[in-house]
Structures are given as C-alpha cells and as structure tokens.
Amino acid sequence: MGSLPQDHTRFVNCVRFSPDGNRFATASADGQIHIYDGKTGEKVCALGGGKAHDGGIYAISWSPDGTHLLSASGDKTSKIWDVNVNSVVDTFTMGSNVLDQQLGCLWQKDHLLSVSLSGYINYLDRNNPSKPLRVIKGHSKSIQCLTGHTNQVSRMTVDDAGQLVSCSMDDTVRYTNLTLRDYSGQGVVKLDVQPKCVAVGPRGYAVVVCIGQIVLLKDQRKCFSIENPGYEPEVVAAHPSGETVAVGGADGNVRLYSILGTSLKDEGKLLEAKGPVTDVAYSHDGAFLAVCDASKVVTVFSVADGYSENNVFYGHHAKIVCLAWSPDNEHFASGGMDMMVYVWTLSDPETRVKIQ
C-alpha cells in the first residue's frame, strides 16, 4: 500500500472507514467523495462520477451495514449514496439560506441526522426527503457538533447503550438519547472544571480528563476524581474490556489507570511518547494502543506484551491531532495539522496511504 494519487484538489475534511473496514471514504472541499479499498488503498470509485455535491463536503457517515453513505455539504443538501452501484438514493434539500449549509451528519442505527450552519439539528426522513422528521432549534448560534451544549464541543463518542456522550467548554458532559430525538436536559453532568476529552467503557463507565483533573463517571454520575495528578492530562481512551483507561499527558507520557468499582487506581506504569500526547486510541480488539504526539509521531504499544513498544510511525510534517482504528485492527488512520491523513498498516510502518 503506497501513496495515493492526489485525487482531491482541495482540503480533505472527513475520512471514514466502513464498519467492516473493507473500504474507506474521503470527502473534500472540492465537492468530491472518493471510495478506496480499506486494505490496499486502491481507489474504487468517485461517487457521482466526479462531483458528488455542488459545494464543499464537510462530513460523511456510513450506514451500519456499510452499503450506503450519508454526506453533508455546503450546497445546502445532504445525500444518501448507494456505494455499491455508485448512485444517489436520496437528496435532502435543507433550504436556500446561507445558514442552511450542512456541516455535519451522523448515521446511528435507524436514525439519520444532519446539522446546519444555523445550529439546527435535522432528523432526516427517507420517506419524505423534502421535509425533516424533526428539527431541533435549541441553539442560539452556529454550532460545531451534534450536541446540545452551549459552547464548543471538545470530544464526542457513542457508548454501548447507543447514547451520544459529549464534553464541552461549557463544563459539562452530556448524554443524548438518539432514539428519543430530543435533548431532554436530564443527562447532563456538571463538572468543576473544563473538560478536554471523554472516553466511554461498558457497564455505564466514562472517564473525563479536565484541566488538572481526571473524573470517573458511572451511570451518568460522578463517583471519583483525581485532583492535581502531577501532570496535565490531555486525552483519554478506554480499553474495550472496561478495566483500564489510558491517559495521555502534556509531559509526553501515557499513564494507565484501573477502574475498580467506583474508583481509579494509578498502575504506576509510564508509556513514553515522542512528545506531548495529542490523542490515544485502543484497537477494537483491545490488543494495541496507538499514541500520537506533537512531535509528529505515532507510537503503537502491544497490550498483551505489557504495553511494550510495538512500532513507531513517521510521516506527518506537523503536529498529529487525531487517531482512528479500522475495524480490522490491522490499519489505523492519523490526521495532522499538515492537512494530511495517513492510513497505516500495523505490521509495516513503511506501508501507508497518504491523503491530502
């Protein structure tokens, strides 16, 4: 798997693996969506044969079965694509005002959502593409994510109960029941200080890293916190077993904590990154932990081997800011401030796909 040809002519805004990891899609400000083989990186097709939208595309989301793709565009539409036959199935026209530009989308089980520049959240109706099932207008200004926060959202994820869990600069963690299509305000946890990142585990656990603090939540309630841990925590990931969390720090180290009932125990183990840690992510099978840093490096640790260093991945030209694993646990993607996305092969750091 080598470097991709530069299929896009402008910045890539979104990259998403299909649920089975067999394909990944890229969406760009050039209005194009490209589909690639998830293992070889070879291009499969360009949706629509060329331009998928008349404006820049800001977000894409796969259907649960990996056969369809939802896209959101600045041309004020969202579209559903049948990827296998490369055709548009539905087009949702959201209006004619500049605030009707579509900046985000999410396909969660049977629910399709898009978010407008206006801050409105739209529940899309496949039976009636001209009118959303429901529009939530709870925001007073433009928003950046599909949540009910009153300030910028730092991180969001989906827990095993199918709830959207998000943390924000409004000092809250919010649980959103997507099935009810409503932000009831009941699932809001108020924190003492501003959160930076949240990770969820099974059995109702969530761990939040805040400024100078690590907080454990259980069933949407605070049950434990570590005050002034001796370093500045930045990011967190939960092992799929729900027994361990990894916290990355500004000091360039990752620390491991065990979840013991309603408390966190520092295991006293330091994993060294090459610079201040900017994201951490466990593979879906829990076998590996990927760590990226401000020094442009991704380091992968082997969990079964006591978190020994497995491999180091170089390629970015600026700080790396995010990581995501493919469901096949053999590939992962990294995104950097160099406007590059790399798709890496775990067993061979030299085998990579570059998207820009």
Protein backbone atom coordinates (compact mmCIF):
# COMPACT_ATOMS: atom_id res chain seq x y z
CA MET A 1 0.00 0.00 0.00
CA GLY A 2 1.75 3.16 -1.16
CA SER A 3 0.95 6.83 -1.55
CA LEU A 4 -2.35 7.68 -3.16
CA PRO A 5 -2.51 9.90 -6.20
CA GLN A 6 -3.77 13.32 -5.27
CA ASP A 7 -7.39 12.65 -6.20
CA HIS A 8 -8.71 15.68 -4.29
CA THR A 9 -7.89 19.19 -5.42
CA ARG A 10 -8.70 20.89 -2.10
CA PHE A 11 -8.50 20.03 1.60
CA VAL A 12 -9.96 16.73 2.77
CA ASN A 13 -12.49 17.47 5.52
CA CYS A 14 -13.52 13.96 6.54
CA VAL A 15 -12.26 10.36 6.29
CA ARG A 16 -14.40 7.42 7.45
CA PHE A 17 -13.82 3.66 7.40
CA SER A 18 -16.81 1.46 6.63
CA PRO A 19 -17.99 -0.58 9.66
CA ASP A 20 -16.29 -3.74 8.35
CA GLY A 21 -13.07 -1.91 7.47
CA ASN A 22 -13.14 -3.09 3.85
CA ARG A 23 -13.48 0.42 2.45
CA PHE A 24 -12.88 4.00 3.46
CA ALA A 25 -14.32 7.21 2.08
CA THR A 26 -12.83 10.69 1.82
CA ALA A 27 -14.81 13.93 1.47
CA SER A 28 -13.30 17.23 0.44
CA ALA A 29 -13.86 20.93 -0.04
CA ASP A 30 -13.68 20.20 -3.78
CA GLY A 31 -17.17 18.61 -3.65
CA GLN A 32 -15.86 15.10 -4.31
CA ILE A 33 -16.19 11.82 -2.40
CA HIS A 34 -13.70 9.06 -3.19
CA ILE A 35 -14.04 5.42 -2.12
CA TYR A 36 -10.91 3.33 -1.52
CA ASP A 37 -10.13 -0.27 -0.67
CA GLY A 38 -9.58 -0.35 3.09
CA LYS A 39 -6.64 -2.77 2.88
CA THR A 40 -4.76 -1.87 -0.31
CA GLY A 41 -5.65 1.82 -0.54
CA GLU A 42 -6.56 1.41 -4.19
CA LYS A 43 -9.24 3.77 -5.46
CA VAL A 44 -12.61 2.08 -6.06
CA CYS A 45 -14.63 4.99 -7.43
CA ALA A 46 -15.62 8.63 -7.18
CA LEU A 47 -19.24 8.95 -6.11
CA GLY A 48 -21.31 10.64 -8.78
CA GLY A 49 -18.53 10.01 -11.28
CA GLY A 50 -16.95 13.35 -10.39
CA LYS A 51 -18.55 15.94 -8.16
CA ALA A 52 -20.81 14.45 -5.53
CA HIS A 53 -22.09 17.89 -4.41
CA ASP A 54 -22.12 21.40 -5.87
CA GLY A 55 -20.32 22.70 -2.78
CA GLY A 56 -17.67 21.57 -0.34
CA ILE A 57 -18.43 18.42 1.63
CA TYR A 58 -17.91 18.71 5.37
CA ALA A 59 -18.96 15.31 6.72
CA ILE A 60 -19.78 11.74 5.74
CA SER A 61 -21.17 8.80 7.73
CA TRP A 62 -21.55 5.13 6.75
CA SER A 63 -24.74 3.14 7.20
CA PRO A 64 -24.43 0.34 9.80
CA ASP A 65 -24.27 -2.31 7.06
CA GLY A 66 -21.61 -0.41 5.11
CA THR A 67 -23.56 -0.30 1.84
CA HIS A 68 -24.64 3.35 1.92
CA LEU A 69 -23.04 6.69 2.78
CA LEU A 70 -24.62 9.89 4.10
CA SER A 71 -22.95 13.16 3.06
CA ALA A 72 -23.40 16.78 4.20
CA SER A 73 -22.44 19.74 2.03
CA GLY A 74 -22.20 23.48 1.85
CA ASP A 75 -24.57 23.30 -1.14
CA LYS A 76 -27.37 23.08 1.50
CA THR A 77 -28.10 19.40 0.85
CA SER A 78 -27.43 16.04 2.42
CA LYS A 79 -27.39 12.94 0.25
CA ILE A 80 -27.59 9.18 0.68
CA TRP A 81 -25.38 7.20 -1.71
CA ASP A 82 -25.61 3.53 -2.65
CA VAL A 83 -21.87 2.91 -2.71
CA ASN A 84 -22.03 -0.46 -4.47
CA VAL A 85 -23.77 0.92 -7.57
CA ASN A 86 -22.41 4.49 -7.25
CA SER A 87 -25.73 6.32 -7.31
CA VAL A 88 -27.68 8.84 -5.25
CA VAL A 89 -30.60 7.25 -3.43
CA ASP A 90 -32.00 10.35 -1.67
CA THR A 91 -31.28 14.08 -1.71
CA PHE A 92 -32.38 16.16 1.27
CA THR A 93 -32.65 19.86 0.34
CA MET A 94 -32.48 21.82 3.58
CA GLY A 95 -33.28 25.35 2.32
CA SER A 96 -31.89 28.25 0.32
CA ASN A 97 -30.39 30.44 3.06
CA VAL A 98 -26.65 30.51 3.72
CA LEU A 99 -27.41 29.18 7.23
CA ASP A 100 -28.88 26.04 5.64
CA GLN A 101 -25.43 24.81 4.68
CA GLN A 102 -24.90 21.28 6.06
CA LEU A 103 -21.80 20.94 8.23
CA GLY A 104 -22.21 17.58 9.92
CA CYS A 105 -24.02 14.27 9.71
CA LEU A 106 -24.46 11.03 11.64
CA TRP A 107 -25.98 7.66 10.71
CA GLN A 108 -26.74 5.92 14.01
CA LYS A 109 -28.71 2.68 13.62
CA ASP A 110 -32.04 3.74 12.02
CA HIS A 111 -31.53 7.46 12.66
CA LEU A 112 -30.06 9.90 10.16
CA LEU A 113 -29.09 13.35 11.44
CA SER A 114 -27.57 16.42 9.86
CA VAL A 115 -26.52 19.73 11.39
CA SER A 116 -26.97 23.09 9.69
CA LEU A 117 -24.77 26.17 9.94
CA SER A 118 -27.69 27.79 11.76
CA GLY A 119 -27.22 25.32 14.61
CA TYR A 120 -30.40 23.40 13.75
CA ILE A 121 -30.24 19.61 14.03
CA ASN A 122 -32.31 17.79 11.44
CA TYR A 123 -33.70 14.25 11.70
CA LEU A 124 -33.85 13.20 8.06
CA ASP A 125 -36.87 11.33 6.68
CA ARG A 126 -36.06 8.86 3.90
CA ASN A 127 -39.77 8.59 3.10
CA ASN A 128 -40.05 12.36 2.63
CA PRO A 129 -36.65 13.89 1.72
CA SER A 130 -38.19 17.36 1.30
CA LYS A 131 -39.06 17.70 4.98
CA PRO A 132 -37.16 16.52 8.08
CA LEU A 133 -38.95 14.34 10.62
CA ARG A 134 -37.92 16.78 13.31
CA VAL A 135 -35.80 19.91 13.62
CA ILE A 136 -34.23 20.81 16.94
CA LYS A 137 -33.69 24.55 17.29
CA GLY A 138 -32.28 24.76 20.77
CA HIS A 139 -29.13 26.69 19.83
CA SER A 140 -28.85 30.44 19.65
CA LYS A 141 -25.74 30.49 17.45
CA SER A 142 -23.88 28.30 15.00
CA ILE A 143 -22.57 25.05 16.45
CA GLN A 144 -19.81 22.62 15.52
CA CYS A 145 -21.15 19.23 16.62
CA LEU A 146 -24.36 17.23 17.01
CA THR A 147 -24.90 18.02 20.71
CA GLY A 148 -26.93 20.28 22.98
CA HIS A 149 -24.02 22.18 24.54
CA THR A 150 -23.78 25.94 24.88
CA ASN A 151 -20.09 26.17 23.97
CA GLN A 152 -17.54 24.44 21.76
CA VAL A 153 -17.56 20.63 21.97
CA SER A 154 -14.17 19.06 22.72
CA ARG A 155 -14.95 15.39 22.10
CA MET A 156 -17.88 13.09 21.46
CA THR A 157 -18.36 9.33 21.27
CA VAL A 158 -21.15 6.74 21.41
CA ASP A 159 -21.48 4.36 24.38
CA ASP A 160 -22.66 0.74 24.35
CA ALA A 161 -26.22 1.89 25.09
CA GLY A 162 -26.26 3.88 21.85
CA GLN A 163 -26.10 7.27 23.58
CA LEU A 164 -24.06 10.16 22.24
CA VAL A 165 -21.64 11.21 25.00
CA SER A 166 -20.01 14.61 24.58
CA CYS A 167 -17.91 17.02 26.63
CA SER A 168 -17.73 20.74 26.09
CA MET A 169 -16.15 24.01 27.15
CA ASP A 170 -19.46 24.70 28.92
CA ASP A 171 -18.05 22.45 31.73
CA THR A 172 -20.50 19.60 31.15
CA VAL A 173 -20.68 16.06 29.88
CA ARG A 174 -23.94 15.46 28.07
CA TYR A 175 -25.67 12.14 27.33
CA THR A 176 -28.00 12.36 24.33
CA ASN A 177 -30.57 9.63 23.67
CA LEU A 178 -30.64 9.49 19.88
CA THR A 179 -33.70 7.24 19.82
CA LEU A 180 -35.87 9.88 21.52
CA ARG A 181 -34.68 12.53 19.03
CA ASP A 182 -34.56 15.05 21.83
CA TYR A 183 -32.19 16.79 24.21
CA SER A 184 -34.17 16.34 27.40
CA GLY A 185 -31.58 18.02 29.62
CA GLN A 186 -31.72 15.10 32.05
CA GLY A 187 -28.44 13.50 31.01
CA VAL A 188 -26.15 16.39 31.89
CA VAL A 189 -23.22 16.03 34.30
CA LYS A 190 -21.84 19.34 35.60
CA LEU A 191 -18.10 19.33 36.19
CA ASP A 192 -15.98 21.55 38.43
CA VAL A 193 -13.53 22.49 35.69
CA GLN A 194 -13.44 22.46 31.90
CA PRO A 195 -13.25 19.01 30.29
CA LYS A 196 -10.94 18.25 27.38
CA CYS A 197 -11.76 14.68 26.40
CA VAL A 198 -14.13 11.83 27.31
CA ALA A 199 -13.90 8.07 26.80
CA VAL A 200 -16.63 5.53 27.44
CA GLY A 201 -16.48 1.89 28.50
CA PRO A 202 -19.02 -0.85 29.11
CA ARG A 203 -21.33 -1.02 32.14
CA GLY A 204 -22.04 2.72 32.21
CA TYR A 205 -18.48 3.92 32.83
CA ALA A 206 -16.98 7.09 31.39
CA VAL A 207 -13.70 8.83 32.14
CA VAL A 208 -13.26 12.56 31.60
CA VAL A 209 -9.95 14.41 31.57
CA CYS A 210 -10.27 18.03 32.64
CA ILE A 211 -7.83 20.84 33.31
CA GLY A 212 -5.76 19.40 36.19
CA GLN A 213 -8.29 16.67 36.97
CA ILE A 214 -9.43 13.16 35.97
CA VAL A 215 -13.06 12.26 36.68
CA LEU A 216 -14.75 8.84 36.70
CA LEU A 217 -18.46 8.69 35.88
CA LYS A 218 -20.74 5.73 36.50
CA ASP A 219 -24.30 5.72 35.14
CA GLN A 220 -24.13 9.48 34.43
CA ARG A 221 -22.95 10.38 37.94
CA LYS A 222 -19.57 11.50 39.26
CA CYS A 223 -18.19 8.84 41.55
CA PHE A 224 -14.44 9.55 41.77
CA SER A 225 -11.88 12.17 40.80
CA ILE A 226 -8.12 12.57 40.88
CA GLU A 227 -7.22 16.15 41.71
CA ASN A 228 -3.89 17.61 40.59
CA PRO A 229 -2.45 14.32 39.28
CA GLY A 230 1.05 15.79 38.99
CA TYR A 231 0.91 16.33 35.25
CA GLU A 232 -1.52 17.95 32.82
CA PRO A 233 -3.86 15.29 31.36
CA GLU A 234 -4.91 15.94 27.76
CA VAL A 235 -6.62 12.88 26.25
CA VAL A 236 -8.09 9.55 27.36
CA ALA A 237 -9.06 6.18 25.88
CA ALA A 238 -10.87 3.25 27.50
CA HIS A 239 -9.85 -0.35 26.85
CA PRO A 240 -12.78 -2.33 25.36
CA SER A 241 -12.81 -4.56 28.47
CA GLY A 242 -13.69 -1.54 30.58
CA GLU A 243 -10.99 -2.41 33.09
CA THR A 244 -8.25 0.01 32.06
CA VAL A 245 -8.01 3.56 30.79
CA ALA A 246 -5.01 5.26 29.21
CA VAL A 247 -4.47 8.97 29.88
CA GLY A 248 -2.07 10.96 27.70
CA GLY A 249 -0.30 13.95 29.19
CA ALA A 250 1.32 17.16 28.07
CA ASP A 251 4.55 15.79 29.57
CA GLY A 252 4.84 13.23 26.77
CA ASN A 253 3.79 10.21 28.81
CA VAL A 254 0.75 7.94 28.87
CA ARG A 255 -0.38 6.62 32.26
CA LEU A 256 -2.57 3.58 32.87
CA TYR A 257 -5.39 3.51 35.42
CA SER A 258 -7.52 0.57 36.54
CA ILE A 259 -11.25 1.01 37.09
CA LEU A 260 -12.01 -0.62 40.44
CA GLY A 261 -15.72 -0.32 41.17
CA THR A 262 -16.21 3.38 41.73
CA SER A 263 -12.57 4.44 41.84
CA LEU A 264 -9.50 4.77 39.65
CA LYS A 265 -6.12 3.29 40.60
CA ASP A 266 -2.87 4.54 39.07
CA GLU A 267 -0.98 1.44 37.91
CA GLY A 268 2.31 3.30 38.14
CA LYS A 269 3.25 2.50 34.54
CA LEU A 270 4.54 5.15 32.14
CA LEU A 271 4.44 4.74 28.37
CA GLU A 272 6.76 7.20 26.68
CA ALA A 273 5.65 9.06 23.56
CA LYS A 274 7.99 11.21 21.48
CA GLY A 275 6.35 14.49 22.52
CA PRO A 276 3.28 15.96 24.24
CA VAL A 277 0.44 13.47 23.72
CA THR A 278 -2.39 14.70 21.47
CA ASP A 279 -4.56 11.56 21.13
CA VAL A 280 -4.75 7.93 22.26
CA ALA A 281 -6.85 5.10 20.83
CA TYR A 282 -7.21 1.38 21.56
CA SER A 283 -7.76 -1.03 18.67
CA HIS A 284 -11.26 -2.52 18.64
CA ASP A 285 -9.98 -5.88 19.90
CA GLY A 286 -8.01 -4.18 22.69
CA ALA A 287 -4.71 -5.68 21.54
CA PHE A 288 -2.95 -2.39 20.75
CA LEU A 289 -2.82 1.21 21.98
CA ALA A 290 -1.91 3.92 19.47
CA VAL A 291 -0.48 7.20 20.77
CA CYS A 292 0.17 10.31 18.69
CA ASP A 293 2.03 13.42 19.73
CA ALA A 294 3.02 16.97 18.93
CA SER A 295 6.38 15.72 17.62
CA LYS A 296 4.65 14.23 14.54
CA VAL A 297 5.00 10.59 15.60
CA VAL A 298 2.56 7.72 16.20
CA THR A 299 3.74 5.05 18.65
CA VAL A 300 1.85 1.75 18.97
CA PHE A 301 2.09 -0.35 22.14
CA SER A 302 1.22 -4.05 22.47
CA VAL A 303 -1.22 -4.58 25.35
CA ALA A 304 -0.62 -8.34 25.71
CA ASP A 305 3.13 -7.78 25.97
CA GLY A 306 2.78 -5.45 28.94
CA TYR A 307 2.38 -2.37 26.75
CA SER A 308 5.78 -2.84 25.16
CA GLU A 309 6.53 -0.64 22.14
CA ASN A 310 5.35 -2.44 19.00
CA ASN A 311 6.22 0.05 16.27
CA VAL A 312 6.78 3.72 15.52
CA PHE A 313 5.24 5.53 12.55
CA TYR A 314 6.71 8.65 10.93
CA GLY A 315 5.36 10.70 8.02
CA HIS A 316 3.49 13.80 9.20
CA HIS A 317 5.08 17.22 8.81
CA ALA A 318 3.19 18.90 11.66
CA LYS A 319 1.51 18.00 14.93
CA ILE A 320 -0.77 14.97 14.76
CA VAL A 321 -4.17 15.66 16.30
CA CYS A 322 -6.35 12.55 15.93
CA LEU A 323 -6.33 8.77 15.54
CA ALA A 324 -8.91 6.18 14.44
CA TRP A 325 -8.64 2.39 14.11
CA SER A 326 -10.12 0.34 11.29
CA PRO A 327 -12.48 -2.43 12.45
CA ASP A 328 -9.98 -4.99 11.07
CA ASN A 329 -7.49 -3.96 13.82
CA GLU A 330 -4.74 -4.07 11.18
CA HIS A 331 -4.95 -0.47 9.99
CA PHE A 332 -5.37 2.92 11.61
CA ALA A 333 -5.59 6.50 10.39
CA SER A 334 -3.92 9.64 11.71
CA GLY A 335 -4.77 13.26 10.95
CA GLY A 336 -2.40 16.18 11.35
CA MET A 337 -2.16 19.93 11.21
CA ASP A 338 -0.21 19.45 7.98
CA MET A 339 -3.63 18.80 6.37
CA MET A 340 -2.56 15.18 5.80
CA VAL A 341 -4.36 11.94 6.63
CA TYR A 342 -2.28 8.77 6.66
CA VAL A 343 -3.68 5.23 6.73
CA TRP A 344 -1.08 2.94 8.31
CA THR A 345 -0.55 -0.82 8.27
CA LEU A 346 0.21 -2.03 11.79
CA SER A 347 2.81 -4.64 10.82
CA ASP A 348 4.68 -2.43 8.36
CA PRO A 349 5.26 1.28 9.14
CA GLU A 350 6.60 1.82 5.61
CA THR A 351 3.30 0.74 4.05
CA ARG A 352 0.94 3.70 4.19
CA VAL A 353 -1.66 5.63 2.24
CA LYS A 354 -1.32 9.41 2.15
CA ILE A 355 -4.43 11.56 1.61
CA GLN A 356 -4.20 15.30 1.17
